[in-house]
């Protein structure tokens, strides 16, 4: 089954995009806690996270019907 969000990011690329997003979150979070000025990076990550969340949800298999 296909939908627009599935077609935008191929399955092979999603794994790496999600991993990079998680790594960026850890790095920016650690820098912010350490007192480094990260500017608007947390805000940008929040907005990107919304889009990635929709993409991830659209690629979750539907439960089997009985």
N, C-alpha and C. Protein backbone atom coordinates (compact mmCIF):
# COMPACT_ATOMS: atom_id res chain seq x y z
N UNK A 1 0.85 -1.19 0.00
CA UNK A 1 0.00 0.00 0.00
C UNK A 1 0.89 1.24 0.00
N UNK A 2 0.49 2.22 -0.74
CA UNK A 2 1.31 3.41 -0.90
C UNK A 2 0.51 4.65 -0.48
N UNK A 3 1.22 5.61 0.06
CA UNK A 3 0.62 6.90 0.37
C UNK A 3 1.68 7.96 0.12
N UNK A 4 1.29 9.22 0.05
CA UNK A 4 2.26 10.26 -0.30
C UNK A 4 3.47 10.32 0.64
N UNK A 5 3.28 10.09 1.92
CA UNK A 5 4.41 10.16 2.84
C UNK A 5 5.35 8.98 2.65
N UNK A 6 4.80 7.83 2.29
CA UNK A 6 5.65 6.67 2.03
C UNK A 6 6.50 6.90 0.79
N UNK A 7 5.93 7.55 -0.20
CA UNK A 7 6.63 7.77 -1.46
C UNK A 7 7.70 8.86 -1.36
N UNK A 8 7.56 9.79 -0.43
CA UNK A 8 8.51 10.90 -0.32
C UNK A 8 9.88 10.40 0.13
N UNK A 9 9.92 9.57 1.15
CA UNK A 9 11.19 9.07 1.68
C UNK A 9 11.21 7.56 1.51
N UNK A 10 12.07 7.04 0.64
CA UNK A 10 12.14 5.58 0.46
C UNK A 10 12.52 4.87 1.76
N UNK A 11 12.08 3.63 1.88
CA UNK A 11 12.31 2.86 3.11
C UNK A 11 13.79 2.77 3.47
N UNK A 12 14.64 2.58 2.49
CA UNK A 12 16.08 2.46 2.76
C UNK A 12 16.65 3.74 3.36
N UNK A 13 16.14 4.89 2.95
CA UNK A 13 16.65 6.17 3.44
C UNK A 13 16.06 6.54 4.80
N UNK A 14 14.85 6.09 5.09
CA UNK A 14 14.20 6.48 6.35
C UNK A 14 15.02 6.06 7.56
N UNK A 15 15.58 4.89 7.53
CA UNK A 15 16.37 4.40 8.66
C UNK A 15 17.50 5.38 8.99
N UNK A 16 18.18 5.86 7.97
CA UNK A 16 19.29 6.79 8.18
C UNK A 16 18.81 8.18 8.58
N UNK A 17 17.70 8.61 8.02
CA UNK A 17 17.14 9.92 8.38
C UNK A 17 16.72 9.93 9.85
N UNK A 18 16.04 8.86 10.28
CA UNK A 18 15.62 8.78 11.68
C UNK A 18 16.82 8.73 12.62
N UNK A 19 17.85 7.99 12.21
CA UNK A 19 19.06 7.90 13.04
C UNK A 19 19.76 9.25 13.14
N UNK A 20 19.86 9.97 12.03
CA UNK A 20 20.49 11.30 12.05
C UNK A 20 19.69 12.28 12.89
N UNK A 21 18.36 12.19 12.80
CA UNK A 21 17.51 13.06 13.61
C UNK A 21 17.72 12.79 15.09
N UNK A 22 17.76 11.52 15.47
CA UNK A 22 17.99 11.16 16.87
C UNK A 22 19.36 11.63 17.34
N UNK A 23 20.37 11.45 16.53
CA UNK A 23 21.72 11.89 16.88
C UNK A 23 21.77 13.41 17.03
N UNK A 24 21.14 14.13 16.12
CA UNK A 24 21.10 15.59 16.22
C UNK A 24 20.42 16.03 17.51
N UNK A 25 19.33 15.33 17.87
CA UNK A 25 18.63 15.67 19.11
C UNK A 25 19.50 15.46 20.34
N UNK A 26 20.24 14.37 20.37
CA UNK A 26 21.13 14.09 21.50
C UNK A 26 22.24 15.14 21.57
N UNK A 27 22.84 15.46 20.44
CA UNK A 27 23.94 16.43 20.43
C UNK A 27 23.46 17.81 20.82
N UNK A 28 22.37 18.26 20.23
CA UNK A 28 21.86 19.61 20.55
C UNK A 28 21.38 19.66 22.00
N UNK A 29 20.74 18.60 22.47
CA UNK A 29 20.31 18.57 23.87
C UNK A 29 21.48 18.62 24.83
N UNK A 30 22.53 17.86 24.53
CA UNK A 30 23.71 17.86 25.39
C UNK A 30 24.40 19.23 25.39
N UNK A 31 24.48 19.84 24.23
CA UNK A 31 25.09 21.18 24.15
C UNK A 31 24.28 22.20 24.93
N UNK A 32 22.96 22.13 24.80
CA UNK A 32 22.09 23.07 25.52
C UNK A 32 22.24 22.89 27.03
N UNK A 33 22.29 21.65 27.49
CA UNK A 33 22.46 21.39 28.92
C UNK A 33 23.82 21.88 29.41
N UNK A 34 24.83 21.78 28.54
CA UNK A 34 26.18 22.23 28.90
C UNK A 34 26.31 23.74 28.89
N UNK A 35 25.27 24.43 28.48
CA UNK A 35 25.31 25.89 28.49
C UNK A 35 25.77 26.52 27.19
N UNK A 36 25.91 25.72 26.14
CA UNK A 36 26.31 26.25 24.84
C UNK A 36 25.07 26.86 24.17
N UNK A 37 25.24 28.02 23.57
CA UNK A 37 24.14 28.67 22.88
C UNK A 37 23.87 27.92 21.57
N UNK A 38 22.74 27.22 21.51
CA UNK A 38 22.39 26.45 20.32
C UNK A 38 21.40 27.19 19.43
N UNK A 39 21.09 28.41 19.80
CA UNK A 39 20.20 29.25 18.97
C UNK A 39 18.83 28.64 18.80
N UNK A 40 18.38 28.60 17.57
CA UNK A 40 17.04 28.10 17.25
C UNK A 40 17.04 26.61 16.91
N UNK A 41 18.17 25.93 17.07
CA UNK A 41 18.27 24.51 16.69
C UNK A 41 17.19 23.64 17.36
N UNK A 42 16.89 23.82 18.66
CA UNK A 42 15.82 22.99 19.25
C UNK A 42 14.45 23.24 18.59
N UNK A 43 14.20 24.48 18.22
CA UNK A 43 12.93 24.79 17.55
C UNK A 43 12.86 24.11 16.19
N UNK A 44 13.96 24.16 15.46
CA UNK A 44 14.01 23.52 14.15
C UNK A 44 13.82 22.01 14.29
N UNK A 45 14.48 21.41 15.27
CA UNK A 45 14.32 19.97 15.49
C UNK A 45 12.88 19.61 15.83
N UNK A 46 12.21 20.46 16.57
CA UNK A 46 10.81 20.20 16.93
C UNK A 46 9.93 20.16 15.68
N UNK A 47 10.12 21.11 14.78
CA UNK A 47 9.32 21.14 13.56
C UNK A 47 9.66 19.97 12.63
N UNK A 48 10.92 19.63 12.53
CA UNK A 48 11.31 18.48 11.71
C UNK A 48 10.75 17.20 12.33
N UNK A 49 10.75 17.15 13.66
CA UNK A 49 10.22 15.97 14.35
C UNK A 49 8.75 15.73 14.05
N UNK A 50 7.98 16.78 13.89
CA UNK A 50 6.56 16.63 13.54
C UNK A 50 6.44 15.95 12.19
N UNK A 51 7.19 16.42 11.21
CA UNK A 51 7.15 15.83 9.87
C UNK A 51 7.63 14.38 9.89
N UNK A 52 8.69 14.12 10.62
CA UNK A 52 9.20 12.75 10.70
C UNK A 52 8.21 11.84 11.43
N UNK A 53 7.53 12.38 12.41
CA UNK A 53 6.52 11.60 13.13
C UNK A 53 5.37 11.19 12.22
N UNK A 54 4.91 12.10 11.39
CA UNK A 54 3.85 11.77 10.44
C UNK A 54 4.34 10.72 9.45
N UNK A 55 5.57 10.87 8.99
CA UNK A 55 6.12 9.90 8.04
C UNK A 55 6.25 8.53 8.69
N UNK A 56 6.76 8.49 9.91
CA UNK A 56 6.90 7.21 10.61
C UNK A 56 5.53 6.57 10.84
N UNK A 57 4.56 7.36 11.25
CA UNK A 57 3.22 6.82 11.49
C UNK A 57 2.60 6.28 10.22
N UNK A 58 2.86 6.94 9.09
CA UNK A 58 2.27 6.47 7.83
C UNK A 58 2.90 5.17 7.37
N UNK A 59 4.06 4.83 7.90
CA UNK A 59 4.75 3.61 7.50
C UNK A 59 4.62 2.50 8.52
N UNK A 60 3.73 2.68 9.49
CA UNK A 60 3.48 1.64 10.48
C UNK A 60 2.43 0.69 9.92
N UNK A 61 2.73 -0.60 9.91
CA UNK A 61 1.76 -1.54 9.35
C UNK A 61 0.44 -1.53 10.13
N UNK A 62 -0.64 -1.69 9.40
CA UNK A 62 -1.95 -1.75 10.04
C UNK A 62 -2.10 -3.08 10.76
N UNK A 63 -2.82 -3.08 11.88
CA UNK A 63 -3.02 -4.36 12.59
C UNK A 63 -3.85 -5.31 11.71
N UNK A 64 -3.63 -6.59 11.85
CA UNK A 64 -4.40 -7.54 11.02
C UNK A 64 -5.89 -7.49 11.37
N UNK A 65 -6.68 -7.61 10.35
CA UNK A 65 -8.14 -7.64 10.59
C UNK A 65 -8.57 -9.08 10.78
N UNK A 66 -9.55 -9.24 11.62
CA UNK A 66 -10.01 -10.61 11.92
C UNK A 66 -11.23 -10.93 11.13
